[in-house]
Amino acid sequence: MTDTLKEMKTNKGNKLYELSMQHGVLVVFLRHFGCAFCREALHELSEQKNLL
């Protein structure tokens, strides 16, 4: 599993493994950004993040 994390990158080119060593991360897998369900789920997650 660690090898997979070391290869994965964010949309900005940051390595997921390195980010996870700095602080907690939440990985969300989407179908695509045009999906209404995906947009709704991201909206709800962003609201929850603001409560923390």
Protein backbone atom coordinates (compact mmCIF):
# COMPACT_ATOMS: atom_id res chain seq x y z
CA MET A 1 0.00 0.00 0.00
CA THR A 2 2.78 2.45 0.83
CA ASP A 3 4.29 2.02 -2.65
CA THR A 4 0.96 2.97 -4.22
CA LEU A 5 0.70 6.10 -2.05
CA LYS A 6 4.23 7.11 -3.00
CA GLU A 7 3.24 7.06 -6.69
CA MET A 8 -0.11 8.86 -6.40
CA LYS A 9 -0.22 12.61 -7.05
CA THR A 10 -2.86 15.26 -6.51
CA ASN A 11 -4.26 17.42 -9.29
CA LYS A 12 -1.57 19.97 -8.36
CA GLY A 13 1.27 17.46 -8.66
CA ASN A 14 1.88 16.97 -4.93
CA LYS A 15 2.66 13.44 -3.82
CA LEU A 16 -0.11 11.97 -1.68
CA TYR A 17 2.36 10.11 0.53
CA GLU A 18 4.29 13.27 1.37
CA LEU A 19 1.09 15.16 2.17
CA SER A 20 -0.07 12.33 4.44
CA MET A 21 3.19 12.55 6.39
CA GLN A 22 2.58 16.28 7.03
CA HIS A 23 -1.08 16.06 8.12
CA GLY A 24 -4.22 13.98 7.74
CA VAL A 25 -5.68 13.71 4.24
CA LEU A 26 -9.05 12.68 2.86
CA VAL A 27 -9.03 11.02 -0.55
CA VAL A 28 -12.27 11.23 -2.52
CA PHE A 29 -12.77 9.18 -5.68
CA LEU A 30 -15.22 10.72 -8.14
CA ARG A 31 -16.76 9.50 -11.36
CA HIS A 32 -16.25 12.92 -12.92
CA PHE A 33 -16.82 16.54 -11.96
CA GLY A 34 -19.89 16.84 -14.19
CA CYS A 35 -21.75 14.22 -12.14
CA ALA A 36 -24.51 15.84 -10.07
CA PHE A 37 -24.11 13.26 -7.29
CA CYS A 38 -20.35 13.91 -7.15
CA ARG A 39 -20.82 17.67 -6.97
CA GLU A 40 -23.37 17.25 -4.17
CA ALA A 41 -21.05 14.92 -2.24
CA LEU A 42 -18.13 17.36 -2.56
CA HIS A 43 -20.34 20.22 -1.43
CA GLU A 44 -21.36 18.28 1.69
CA LEU A 45 -17.73 17.36 2.42
CA SER A 46 -16.65 21.00 2.09
CA GLU A 47 -19.36 22.02 4.57
CA GLN A 48 -18.14 19.41 7.06
CA LYS A 49 -14.53 20.58 6.62
CA ASN A 50 -15.56 24.12 7.54
CA LEU A 51 -17.02 22.82 10.84
CA LEU A 52 -13.68 21.36 11.97
